Amino acid sequence: MTERQEDLVKEETITDEVVNEETTVEEPSIFTEEQTQEVNSNEDELQKLRAEIDEKENKYLRLHADFENYKRRALMDQQSLMTYRAQSLVTDLLPVLDNFERALQIETTDEQTASLKQGMEMVYRQLVEAVKKEGIEEIPALGEQFDPNFHQAVMQESDSSKPSNEVLQEFQKGYKLKDRVIRPSMVKVNE
């Protein structure tokens, strides 16, 4: 082969390579217009489904949080109920305790009333122990500083030998159940 023939062969191979490159660049789109619209439609539907999933997940999380709050409140209510279950019974028993205390303050003159008083003292002690087991405590008052959370002032008196706002006399005992005041002490307070 001559030089001229070799050059022609080289030009044909180069031309073929250029033509092949151009044809790959100019290839028509693999999707038709109809298929492109369908893909776009599917993408829109996918976005809607994702938004719906996010909304459902948000609703689920809120519902779960509400349920956890409900369980916590129910547990607290149940604990409170157990702690203060005896409150209504003890509130009804407080006047009975007051009457026992008044009856036990009476002086006895003969042996028969003395034995009756002794029996009342035993019943009174049992009653006091029973309410103490339920968590009832007397509120200290005499000689204490007046506290409106625990004491109810019904009288005032001026005594210069005592500090101001000190409880001078207790008319009716006060009681509390655990940390809750059942009945405040009725007291006389120094001015």
N, C-alpha and C. Protein backbone atom coordinates (compact mmCIF):
# COMPACT_ATOMS: atom_id res chain seq x y z
N MET A 1 0.82 -1.17 0.00
CA MET A 1 0.00 0.00 0.00
C MET A 1 0.86 1.24 0.00
N THR A 2 0.36 2.11 -0.73
CA THR A 2 1.12 3.34 -0.86
C THR A 2 0.78 4.27 0.28
N GLU A 3 1.55 5.30 0.28
CA GLU A 3 1.33 6.28 1.35
C GLU A 3 -0.02 6.94 1.22
N ARG A 4 -0.37 7.17 0.01
CA ARG A 4 -1.66 7.81 -0.22
C ARG A 4 -2.78 6.91 0.25
N GLN A 5 -2.73 5.66 0.03
CA GLN A 5 -3.77 4.71 0.43
C GLN A 5 -3.82 4.62 1.96
N GLU A 6 -2.67 4.62 2.56
CA GLU A 6 -2.64 4.56 4.02
C GLU A 6 -3.31 5.77 4.64
N ASP A 7 -3.08 6.93 4.05
CA ASP A 7 -3.69 8.15 4.57
C ASP A 7 -5.20 8.11 4.44
N LEU A 8 -5.67 7.57 3.31
CA LEU A 8 -7.10 7.45 3.11
C LEU A 8 -7.74 6.51 4.14
N VAL A 9 -7.10 5.42 4.47
CA VAL A 9 -7.62 4.46 5.44
C VAL A 9 -7.69 5.12 6.83
N LYS A 10 -6.65 5.88 7.12
CA LYS A 10 -6.63 6.56 8.43
C LYS A 10 -7.77 7.57 8.52
N GLU A 11 -8.01 8.30 7.45
CA GLU A 11 -9.08 9.29 7.45
C GLU A 11 -10.43 8.63 7.63
N GLU A 12 -10.65 7.48 7.00
CA GLU A 12 -11.92 6.77 7.14
C GLU A 12 -12.14 6.30 8.58
N THR A 13 -11.11 5.77 9.20
CA THR A 13 -11.27 5.32 10.59
C THR A 13 -11.55 6.50 11.51
N ILE A 14 -10.88 7.62 11.26
CA ILE A 14 -11.13 8.81 12.09
C ILE A 14 -12.55 9.30 11.86
N THR A 15 -12.98 9.32 10.62
CA THR A 15 -14.33 9.76 10.30
C THR A 15 -15.35 8.83 10.94
N ASP A 16 -15.09 7.54 10.90
CA ASP A 16 -16.00 6.58 11.54
C ASP A 16 -16.09 6.82 13.04
N GLU A 17 -14.97 7.12 13.67
CA GLU A 17 -14.97 7.37 15.13
C GLU A 17 -15.77 8.64 15.44
N VAL A 18 -15.58 9.68 14.62
CA VAL A 18 -16.30 10.93 14.83
C VAL A 18 -17.78 10.71 14.63
N VAL A 19 -18.14 9.97 13.59
CA VAL A 19 -19.55 9.69 13.32
C VAL A 19 -20.14 8.90 14.48
N ASN A 20 -19.40 7.89 14.97
CA ASN A 20 -19.90 7.09 16.12
C ASN A 20 -20.10 7.96 17.35
N GLU A 21 -19.16 8.89 17.61
CA GLU A 21 -19.30 9.78 18.76
C GLU A 21 -20.52 10.68 18.59
N GLU A 22 -20.71 11.21 17.39
CA GLU A 22 -21.83 12.10 17.14
C GLU A 22 -23.15 11.37 17.27
N THR A 23 -23.22 10.14 16.84
CA THR A 23 -24.47 9.41 16.92
C THR A 23 -24.83 9.10 18.36
N THR A 24 -23.82 8.86 19.20
CA THR A 24 -24.15 8.59 20.60
C THR A 24 -24.63 9.87 21.27
N VAL A 25 -24.12 10.99 20.89
CA VAL A 25 -24.53 12.25 21.48
C VAL A 25 -25.92 12.62 21.01
N GLU A 26 -26.21 12.35 19.80
CA GLU A 26 -27.46 12.77 19.24
C GLU A 26 -28.56 11.72 19.35
N GLU A 27 -28.31 10.66 20.13
CA GLU A 27 -29.35 9.63 20.28
C GLU A 27 -30.61 10.25 20.85
N PRO A 28 -31.74 9.84 20.40
CA PRO A 28 -32.99 10.40 20.92
C PRO A 28 -33.22 9.90 22.36
N SER A 29 -34.04 10.64 23.15
CA SER A 29 -34.35 10.30 24.54
C SER A 29 -35.00 8.93 24.60
N ILE A 30 -34.65 8.16 25.67
CA ILE A 30 -35.21 6.82 25.79
C ILE A 30 -36.66 6.84 26.27
N PHE A 31 -37.08 7.99 26.88
CA PHE A 31 -38.47 8.12 27.35
C PHE A 31 -39.26 8.95 26.36
N THR A 32 -40.44 8.51 26.13
CA THR A 32 -41.33 9.31 25.31
C THR A 32 -41.95 10.37 26.19
N GLU A 33 -42.63 11.31 25.61
CA GLU A 33 -43.26 12.38 26.37
C GLU A 33 -44.31 11.81 27.33
N GLU A 34 -45.00 10.81 26.90
CA GLU A 34 -46.01 10.16 27.72
C GLU A 34 -45.38 9.52 28.96
N GLN A 35 -44.25 8.86 28.73
CA GLN A 35 -43.56 8.22 29.85
C GLN A 35 -43.00 9.25 30.83
N THR A 36 -42.53 10.36 30.33
CA THR A 36 -42.01 11.43 31.18
C THR A 36 -43.13 11.99 32.06
N GLN A 37 -44.31 12.19 31.50
CA GLN A 37 -45.44 12.67 32.28
C GLN A 37 -45.82 11.66 33.36
N GLU A 38 -45.74 10.39 33.04
CA GLU A 38 -46.07 9.35 34.00
C GLU A 38 -45.06 9.35 35.16
N VAL A 39 -43.78 9.53 34.84
CA VAL A 39 -42.74 9.60 35.87
C VAL A 39 -43.00 10.80 36.78
N ASN A 40 -43.31 11.95 36.19
CA ASN A 40 -43.61 13.15 36.99
C ASN A 40 -44.83 12.92 37.88
N SER A 41 -45.83 12.27 37.32
CA SER A 41 -47.03 11.96 38.08
C SER A 41 -46.70 11.04 39.25
N ASN A 42 -45.86 10.05 39.01
CA ASN A 42 -45.45 9.12 40.08
C ASN A 42 -44.66 9.85 41.17
N GLU A 43 -43.81 10.80 40.75
CA GLU A 43 -43.04 11.58 41.74
C GLU A 43 -43.98 12.42 42.60
N ASP A 44 -45.00 13.03 41.99
CA ASP A 44 -45.98 13.81 42.75
C ASP A 44 -46.72 12.91 43.74
N GLU A 45 -47.11 11.75 43.28
CA GLU A 45 -47.82 10.80 44.15
C GLU A 45 -46.91 10.34 45.30
N LEU A 46 -45.64 10.14 45.00
CA LEU A 46 -44.67 9.74 46.02
C LEU A 46 -44.52 10.84 47.08
N GLN A 47 -44.47 12.09 46.65
CA GLN A 47 -44.37 13.21 47.58
C GLN A 47 -45.62 13.28 48.47
N LYS A 48 -46.78 13.07 47.87
CA LYS A 48 -48.03 13.08 48.64
C LYS A 48 -48.03 11.96 49.67
N LEU A 49 -47.58 10.78 49.26
CA LEU A 49 -47.52 9.64 50.18
C LEU A 49 -46.53 9.89 51.31
N ARG A 50 -45.40 10.50 51.01
CA ARG A 50 -44.42 10.83 52.06
C ARG A 50 -45.03 11.83 53.05
N ALA A 51 -45.73 12.84 52.53
CA ALA A 51 -46.37 13.82 53.41
C ALA A 51 -47.42 13.14 54.29
N GLU A 52 -48.18 12.23 53.72
CA GLU A 52 -49.19 11.49 54.47
C GLU A 52 -48.54 10.62 55.55
N ILE A 53 -47.43 9.98 55.21
CA ILE A 53 -46.70 9.16 56.20
C ILE A 53 -46.20 10.04 57.34
N ASP A 54 -45.65 11.21 57.01
CA ASP A 54 -45.17 12.13 58.04
C ASP A 54 -46.31 12.57 58.96
N GLU A 55 -47.46 12.85 58.36
CA GLU A 55 -48.63 13.26 59.14
C GLU A 55 -49.08 12.13 60.07
N LYS A 56 -49.14 10.91 59.53
CA LYS A 56 -49.56 9.76 60.35
C LYS A 56 -48.55 9.50 61.47
N GLU A 57 -47.28 9.62 61.17
CA GLU A 57 -46.25 9.42 62.18
C GLU A 57 -46.36 10.47 63.29
N ASN A 58 -46.62 11.70 62.89
CA ASN A 58 -46.80 12.78 63.87
C ASN A 58 -48.00 12.51 64.76
N LYS A 59 -49.11 12.07 64.15
CA LYS A 59 -50.30 11.73 64.93
C LYS A 59 -50.00 10.59 65.90
N TYR A 60 -49.26 9.59 65.43
CA TYR A 60 -48.90 8.46 66.28
C TYR A 60 -48.06 8.92 67.47
N LEU A 61 -47.07 9.76 67.21
CA LEU A 61 -46.21 10.24 68.30
C LEU A 61 -47.00 11.04 69.33
N ARG A 62 -47.92 11.88 68.86
CA ARG A 62 -48.75 12.66 69.78
C ARG A 62 -49.66 11.75 70.60
N LEU A 63 -50.25 10.77 69.95
CA LEU A 63 -51.12 9.82 70.65
C LEU A 63 -50.33 9.02 71.68
N HIS A 64 -49.14 8.61 71.30
CA HIS A 64 -48.28 7.87 72.23
C HIS A 64 -47.92 8.74 73.45
N ALA A 65 -47.58 10.00 73.22
CA ALA A 65 -47.26 10.92 74.31
C ALA A 65 -48.48 11.15 75.21
N ASP A 66 -49.65 11.32 74.60
CA ASP A 66 -50.88 11.48 75.39
C ASP A 66 -51.14 10.25 76.25
N PHE A 67 -50.93 9.09 75.70
CA PHE A 67 -51.16 7.85 76.45
C PHE A 67 -50.16 7.73 77.61
N GLU A 68 -48.91 8.08 77.37
CA GLU A 68 -47.91 8.04 78.44
C GLU A 68 -48.28 9.02 79.55
N ASN A 69 -48.75 10.21 79.18
CA ASN A 69 -49.20 11.19 80.18
C ASN A 69 -50.39 10.66 80.97
N TYR A 70 -51.31 10.01 80.27
CA TYR A 70 -52.48 9.43 80.94
C TYR A 70 -52.04 8.36 81.95
N LYS A 71 -51.12 7.50 81.54
CA LYS A 71 -50.64 6.45 82.45
C LYS A 71 -49.98 7.06 83.68
N ARG A 72 -49.18 8.11 83.48
CA ARG A 72 -48.49 8.77 84.59
C ARG A 72 -49.50 9.41 85.54
N ARG A 73 -50.51 10.10 84.99
CA ARG A 73 -51.54 10.73 85.82
C ARG A 73 -52.33 9.68 86.59
N ALA A 74 -52.69 8.60 85.92
CA ALA A 74 -53.46 7.53 86.59
C ALA A 74 -52.65 6.92 87.72
N LEU A 75 -51.35 6.74 87.52
CA LEU A 75 -50.49 6.19 88.57
C LEU A 75 -50.40 7.16 89.74
N MET A 76 -50.25 8.45 89.44
CA MET A 76 -50.19 9.45 90.51
C MET A 76 -51.51 9.50 91.27
N ASP A 77 -52.63 9.44 90.56
CA ASP A 77 -53.94 9.44 91.22
C ASP A 77 -54.09 8.22 92.11
N GLN A 78 -53.65 7.08 91.62
CA GLN A 78 -53.75 5.85 92.41
C GLN A 78 -52.87 5.93 93.66
N GLN A 79 -51.66 6.47 93.52
CA GLN A 79 -50.79 6.62 94.68
C GLN A 79 -51.38 7.59 95.69
N SER A 80 -51.94 8.69 95.19
CA SER A 80 -52.58 9.66 96.08
C SER A 80 -53.77 9.04 96.79
N LEU A 81 -54.53 8.25 96.06
CA LEU A 81 -55.69 7.58 96.65
C LEU A 81 -55.25 6.63 97.76
N MET A 82 -54.18 5.89 97.52
CA MET A 82 -53.68 4.97 98.54
C MET A 82 -53.13 5.72 99.75
N THR A 83 -52.46 6.84 99.51
CA THR A 83 -51.87 7.61 100.59
C THR A 83 -52.94 8.23 101.48
N TYR A 84 -53.99 8.74 100.86
CA TYR A 84 -55.01 9.47 101.62
C TYR A 84 -56.33 8.71 101.71
N ARG A 85 -56.29 7.38 101.61
CA ARG A 85 -57.51 6.58 101.60
C ARG A 85 -58.29 6.71 102.90
N ALA A 86 -57.61 6.97 104.01
CA ALA A 86 -58.27 7.00 105.31
C ALA A 86 -58.77 8.39 105.68
N GLN A 87 -58.61 9.35 104.80
CA GLN A 87 -58.93 10.74 105.15
C GLN A 87 -60.39 10.92 105.57
N SER A 88 -61.32 10.39 104.82
CA SER A 88 -62.74 10.62 105.16
C SER A 88 -63.11 9.92 106.46
N LEU A 89 -62.58 8.71 106.68
CA LEU A 89 -62.85 7.99 107.93
C LEU A 89 -62.27 8.74 109.13
N VAL A 90 -61.04 9.19 109.00
CA VAL A 90 -60.40 9.90 110.10
C VAL A 90 -61.10 11.22 110.36
N THR A 91 -61.53 11.90 109.33
CA THR A 91 -62.26 13.16 109.50
C THR A 91 -63.53 12.92 110.32
N ASP A 92 -64.18 11.80 110.08
CA ASP A 92 -65.38 11.46 110.85
C ASP A 92 -65.04 11.04 112.28
N LEU A 93 -63.84 10.50 112.50
CA LEU A 93 -63.45 10.04 113.84
C LEU A 93 -62.90 11.16 114.73
N LEU A 94 -62.50 12.27 114.17
CA LEU A 94 -61.92 13.35 114.98
C LEU A 94 -62.86 13.86 116.06
N PRO A 95 -64.16 14.07 115.79
CA PRO A 95 -65.06 14.49 116.87
C PRO A 95 -65.17 13.43 117.98
N VAL A 96 -65.05 12.16 117.61
CA VAL A 96 -65.10 11.09 118.61
C VAL A 96 -63.88 11.21 119.52
N LEU A 97 -62.71 11.43 118.94
CA LEU A 97 -61.50 11.62 119.74
C LEU A 97 -61.64 12.83 120.67
N ASP A 98 -62.20 13.93 120.15
CA ASP A 98 -62.42 15.13 120.98
C ASP A 98 -63.33 14.81 122.16
N ASN A 99 -64.41 14.07 121.91
CA ASN A 99 -65.35 13.73 122.99
C ASN A 99 -64.69 12.81 124.02
N PHE A 100 -63.89 11.88 123.57
CA PHE A 100 -63.15 11.02 124.51
C PHE A 100 -62.24 11.87 125.40
N GLU A 101 -61.51 12.81 124.79
CA GLU A 101 -60.60 13.66 125.56
C GLU A 101 -61.37 14.48 126.59
N ARG A 102 -62.50 15.03 126.23
CA ARG A 102 -63.32 15.80 127.18
C ARG A 102 -63.83 14.90 128.31
N ALA A 103 -64.28 13.71 127.96
CA ALA A 103 -64.81 12.79 128.97
C ALA A 103 -63.71 12.34 129.93
N LEU A 104 -62.51 12.19 129.43
CA LEU A 104 -61.40 11.73 130.28
C LEU A 104 -60.88 12.84 131.20
N GLN A 105 -61.24 14.07 130.95
CA GLN A 105 -60.82 15.18 131.81
C GLN A 105 -61.69 15.30 133.07
N ILE A 106 -62.80 14.62 133.11
CA ILE A 106 -63.70 14.68 134.26
C ILE A 106 -63.06 13.92 135.43
N GLU A 107 -63.13 14.54 136.62
CA GLU A 107 -62.60 13.90 137.83
C GLU A 107 -63.61 12.87 138.34
N THR A 108 -63.09 11.74 138.78
CA THR A 108 -63.95 10.69 139.32
C THR A 108 -63.97 10.77 140.84
N THR A 109 -65.13 10.44 141.42
CA THR A 109 -65.27 10.53 142.88
C THR A 109 -65.38 9.15 143.53
N ASP A 110 -65.90 8.19 142.83
CA ASP A 110 -66.03 6.87 143.44
C ASP A 110 -65.35 5.80 142.58
N GLU A 111 -65.31 4.61 143.11
CA GLU A 111 -64.59 3.52 142.47
C GLU A 111 -65.25 3.07 141.17
N GLN A 112 -66.54 3.09 141.11
CA GLN A 112 -67.26 2.64 139.91
C GLN A 112 -66.98 3.55 138.72
N THR A 113 -67.02 4.85 138.92
CA THR A 113 -66.72 5.79 137.82
C THR A 113 -65.24 5.75 137.46
N ALA A 114 -64.39 5.47 138.44
CA ALA A 114 -62.96 5.35 138.17
C ALA A 114 -62.69 4.16 137.24
N SER A 115 -63.35 3.04 137.47
CA SER A 115 -63.15 1.88 136.59
C SER A 115 -63.75 2.13 135.21
N LEU A 116 -64.86 2.85 135.15
CA LEU A 116 -65.45 3.22 133.87
C LEU A 116 -64.49 4.14 133.09
N LYS A 117 -63.88 5.10 133.81
CA LYS A 117 -62.93 6.01 133.18
C LYS A 117 -61.71 5.25 132.69
N GLN A 118 -61.26 4.25 133.45
CA GLN A 118 -60.12 3.45 133.06
C GLN A 118 -60.42 2.68 131.76
N GLY A 119 -61.61 2.14 131.65
CA GLY A 119 -62.02 1.45 130.42
C GLY A 119 -62.08 2.40 129.24
N MET A 120 -62.58 3.62 129.47
CA MET A 120 -62.62 4.63 128.39
C MET A 120 -61.22 5.01 127.94
N GLU A 121 -60.28 5.10 128.91
CA GLU A 121 -58.89 5.43 128.57
C GLU A 121 -58.29 4.35 127.68
N MET A 122 -58.60 3.09 127.96
CA MET A 122 -58.08 1.99 127.14
C MET A 122 -58.65 2.07 125.72
N VAL A 123 -59.94 2.32 125.61
CA VAL A 123 -60.56 2.44 124.28
C VAL A 123 -59.97 3.64 123.53
N TYR A 124 -59.79 4.75 124.25
CA TYR A 124 -59.22 5.96 123.66
C TYR A 124 -57.81 5.69 123.12
N ARG A 125 -56.97 5.02 123.90
CA ARG A 125 -55.60 4.71 123.47
C ARG A 125 -55.61 3.82 122.22
N GLN A 126 -56.51 2.84 122.19
CA GLN A 126 -56.61 1.97 121.01
C GLN A 126 -57.03 2.76 119.77
N LEU A 127 -57.97 3.65 119.97
CA LEU A 127 -58.45 4.48 118.86
C LEU A 127 -57.32 5.40 118.35
N VAL A 128 -56.58 5.99 119.28
CA VAL A 128 -55.47 6.87 118.89
C VAL A 128 -54.40 6.08 118.14
N GLU A 129 -54.07 4.89 118.61
CA GLU A 129 -53.08 4.05 117.92
C GLU A 129 -53.55 3.64 116.53
N ALA A 130 -54.84 3.34 116.40
CA ALA A 130 -55.38 2.94 115.09
C ALA A 130 -55.27 4.08 114.08
N VAL A 131 -55.58 5.31 114.49
CA VAL A 131 -55.48 6.42 113.54
C VAL A 131 -54.02 6.79 113.27
N LYS A 132 -53.14 6.56 114.25
CA LYS A 132 -51.71 6.82 114.01
C LYS A 132 -51.15 5.84 112.98
N LYS A 133 -51.64 4.60 113.00
CA LYS A 133 -51.19 3.61 112.00
C LYS A 133 -51.56 4.05 110.59
N GLU A 134 -52.63 4.79 110.46
CA GLU A 134 -53.06 5.29 109.15
C GLU A 134 -52.31 6.55 108.73
N GLY A 135 -51.43 7.06 109.61
CA GLY A 135 -50.62 8.22 109.26
C GLY A 135 -51.12 9.53 109.83
N ILE A 136 -52.04 9.49 110.77
CA ILE A 136 -52.56 10.71 111.39
C ILE A 136 -51.59 11.17 112.47
N GLU A 137 -51.29 12.47 112.47
CA GLU A 137 -50.42 13.07 113.49
C GLU A 137 -51.11 14.30 114.06
N GLU A 138 -50.87 14.54 115.36
CA GLU A 138 -51.36 15.77 115.97
C GLU A 138 -50.47 16.92 115.50
N ILE A 139 -51.08 18.07 115.32
CA ILE A 139 -50.32 19.26 114.96
C ILE A 139 -49.92 19.94 116.27
N PRO A 140 -48.61 20.10 116.53
CA PRO A 140 -48.20 20.77 117.76
C PRO A 140 -48.63 22.23 117.73
N ALA A 141 -49.14 22.72 118.85
CA ALA A 141 -49.64 24.09 118.85
C ALA A 141 -49.15 24.88 120.06
N LEU A 142 -49.35 24.41 121.26
CA LEU A 142 -49.05 25.16 122.47
C LEU A 142 -47.57 25.51 122.55
N GLY A 143 -47.26 26.81 122.65
CA GLY A 143 -45.89 27.28 122.74
C GLY A 143 -45.21 27.44 121.38
N GLU A 144 -45.86 27.05 120.30
CA GLU A 144 -45.30 27.16 118.94
C GLU A 144 -45.62 28.55 118.37
N GLN A 145 -44.88 28.92 117.33
CA GLN A 145 -45.20 30.14 116.59
C GLN A 145 -46.46 29.89 115.77
N PHE A 146 -47.33 30.88 115.69
CA PHE A 146 -48.56 30.74 114.92
C PHE A 146 -48.23 30.56 113.45
N ASP A 147 -48.81 29.53 112.85
CA ASP A 147 -48.64 29.25 111.42
C ASP A 147 -50.04 29.07 110.82
N PRO A 148 -50.47 29.97 109.95
CA PRO A 148 -51.83 29.88 109.40
C PRO A 148 -52.07 28.62 108.58
N ASN A 149 -51.01 27.92 108.20
CA ASN A 149 -51.19 26.66 107.48
C ASN A 149 -51.63 25.53 108.41
N PHE A 150 -51.32 25.66 109.72
CA PHE A 150 -51.62 24.60 110.67
C PHE A 150 -52.53 25.06 111.80
N HIS A 151 -52.64 26.36 112.02
CA HIS A 151 -53.42 26.87 113.15
C HIS A 151 -54.52 27.81 112.68
N GLN A 152 -55.61 27.79 113.43
CA GLN A 152 -56.71 28.72 113.18
C GLN A 152 -56.87 29.57 114.43
N ALA A 153 -56.55 30.86 114.30
CA ALA A 153 -56.63 31.77 115.45
C ALA A 153 -58.08 32.17 115.67
N VAL A 154 -58.60 31.89 116.88
CA VAL A 154 -59.97 32.29 117.21
C VAL A 154 -59.98 33.39 118.26
N MET A 155 -58.83 33.60 118.93
CA MET A 155 -58.72 34.66 119.94
C MET A 155 -57.30 35.21 119.93
N GLN A 156 -57.19 36.44 120.44
CA GLN A 156 -55.87 37.05 120.64
C GLN A 156 -55.81 37.58 122.06
N GLU A 157 -54.62 37.53 122.62
CA GLU A 157 -54.42 38.03 123.98
C GLU A 157 -53.05 38.69 124.01
N SER A 158 -52.90 39.67 124.88
CA SER A 158 -51.62 40.35 124.99
C SER A 158 -50.92 39.87 126.26
N ASP A 159 -49.78 39.23 126.08
CA ASP A 159 -48.96 38.76 127.20
C ASP A 159 -47.52 39.18 126.92
N SER A 160 -47.03 40.14 127.70
CA SER A 160 -45.70 40.69 127.44
C SER A 160 -44.58 39.70 127.78
N SER A 161 -44.87 38.67 128.56
CA SER A 161 -43.84 37.70 128.93
C SER A 161 -43.59 36.68 127.81
N LYS A 162 -44.47 36.63 126.83
CA LYS A 162 -44.35 35.67 125.71
C LYS A 162 -44.03 36.43 124.43
N PRO A 163 -43.34 35.78 123.49
CA PRO A 163 -43.07 36.44 122.21
C PRO A 163 -44.35 36.66 121.39
N SER A 164 -44.27 37.59 120.46
CA SER A 164 -45.40 37.89 119.58
C SER A 164 -45.68 36.69 118.68
N ASN A 165 -46.97 36.47 118.41
CA ASN A 165 -47.45 35.39 117.53
C ASN A 165 -47.23 33.99 118.09
N GLU A 166 -47.00 33.87 119.38
CA GLU A 166 -46.88 32.55 119.99
C GLU A 166 -48.26 32.05 120.38
N VAL A 167 -48.49 30.75 120.22
CA VAL A 167 -49.77 30.15 120.60
C VAL A 167 -49.79 30.02 122.11
N LEU A 168 -50.81 30.65 122.72
CA LEU A 168 -50.94 30.64 124.18
C LEU A 168 -51.82 29.50 124.68
N GLN A 169 -52.85 29.18 123.93
CA GLN A 169 -53.78 28.15 124.37
C GLN A 169 -54.36 27.42 123.16
N GLU A 170 -54.60 26.11 123.33
CA GLU A 170 -55.18 25.31 122.26
C GLU A 170 -56.59 24.91 122.68
N PHE A 171 -57.58 25.31 121.88
CA PHE A 171 -58.97 24.98 122.18
C PHE A 171 -59.38 23.63 121.57
N GLN A 172 -58.86 23.35 120.41
CA GLN A 172 -59.17 22.09 119.74
C GLN A 172 -57.92 21.62 119.01
N LYS A 173 -57.60 20.35 119.17
CA LYS A 173 -56.39 19.81 118.54
C LYS A 173 -56.55 19.78 117.03
N GLY A 174 -55.42 19.99 116.36
CA GLY A 174 -55.39 19.88 114.91
C GLY A 174 -54.69 18.59 114.51
N TYR A 175 -55.05 18.08 113.35
CA TYR A 175 -54.48 16.82 112.88
C TYR A 175 -54.10 16.95 111.41
N LYS A 176 -53.07 16.18 111.04
CA LYS A 176 -52.69 16.10 109.64
C LYS A 176 -52.49 14.64 109.26
N LEU A 177 -52.79 14.35 108.02
CA LEU A 177 -52.61 13.02 107.45
C LEU A 177 -51.44 13.11 106.49
N LYS A 178 -50.33 12.45 106.86
CA LYS A 178 -49.07 12.54 106.12
C LYS A 178 -48.68 14.02 106.02
N ASP A 179 -48.80 14.63 104.86
CA ASP A 179 -48.43 16.04 104.71
C ASP A 179 -49.65 16.95 104.50
N ARG A 180 -50.83 16.40 104.60
CA ARG A 180 -52.06 17.16 104.35
C ARG A 180 -52.78 17.47 105.67
N VAL A 181 -53.14 18.73 105.86
CA VAL A 181 -53.85 19.12 107.08
C VAL A 181 -55.30 18.67 106.97
N ILE A 182 -55.74 17.88 107.98
CA ILE A 182 -57.13 17.42 108.03
C ILE A 182 -57.98 18.45 108.75
N ARG A 183 -57.45 18.93 109.87
CA ARG A 183 -58.15 19.95 110.65
C ARG A 183 -57.10 20.81 111.33
N PRO A 184 -57.14 22.13 111.14
CA PRO A 184 -56.17 22.98 111.83
C PRO A 184 -56.49 23.10 113.32
N SER A 185 -55.47 23.39 114.11
CA SER A 185 -55.67 23.60 115.54
C SER A 185 -56.37 24.93 115.78
N MET A 186 -57.37 24.93 116.65
CA MET A 186 -58.04 26.19 117.03
C MET A 186 -57.30 26.73 118.25
N VAL A 187 -56.73 27.94 118.11
CA VAL A 187 -55.81 28.44 119.12
C VAL A 187 -56.06 29.90 119.49
N LYS A 188 -55.48 30.28 120.67
CA LYS A 188 -55.43 31.66 121.11
C LYS A 188 -53.99 32.11 120.90
N VAL A 189 -53.80 33.28 120.28
CA VAL A 189 -52.47 33.73 119.88
C VAL A 189 -52.11 35.02 120.62
N ASN A 190 -50.83 35.14 120.96
CA ASN A 190 -50.33 36.36 121.60
C ASN A 190 -50.17 37.45 120.53
N GLU A 191 -50.54 38.66 120.89
CA GLU A 191 -50.44 39.77 119.94
C GLU A 191 -49.01 40.17 119.66
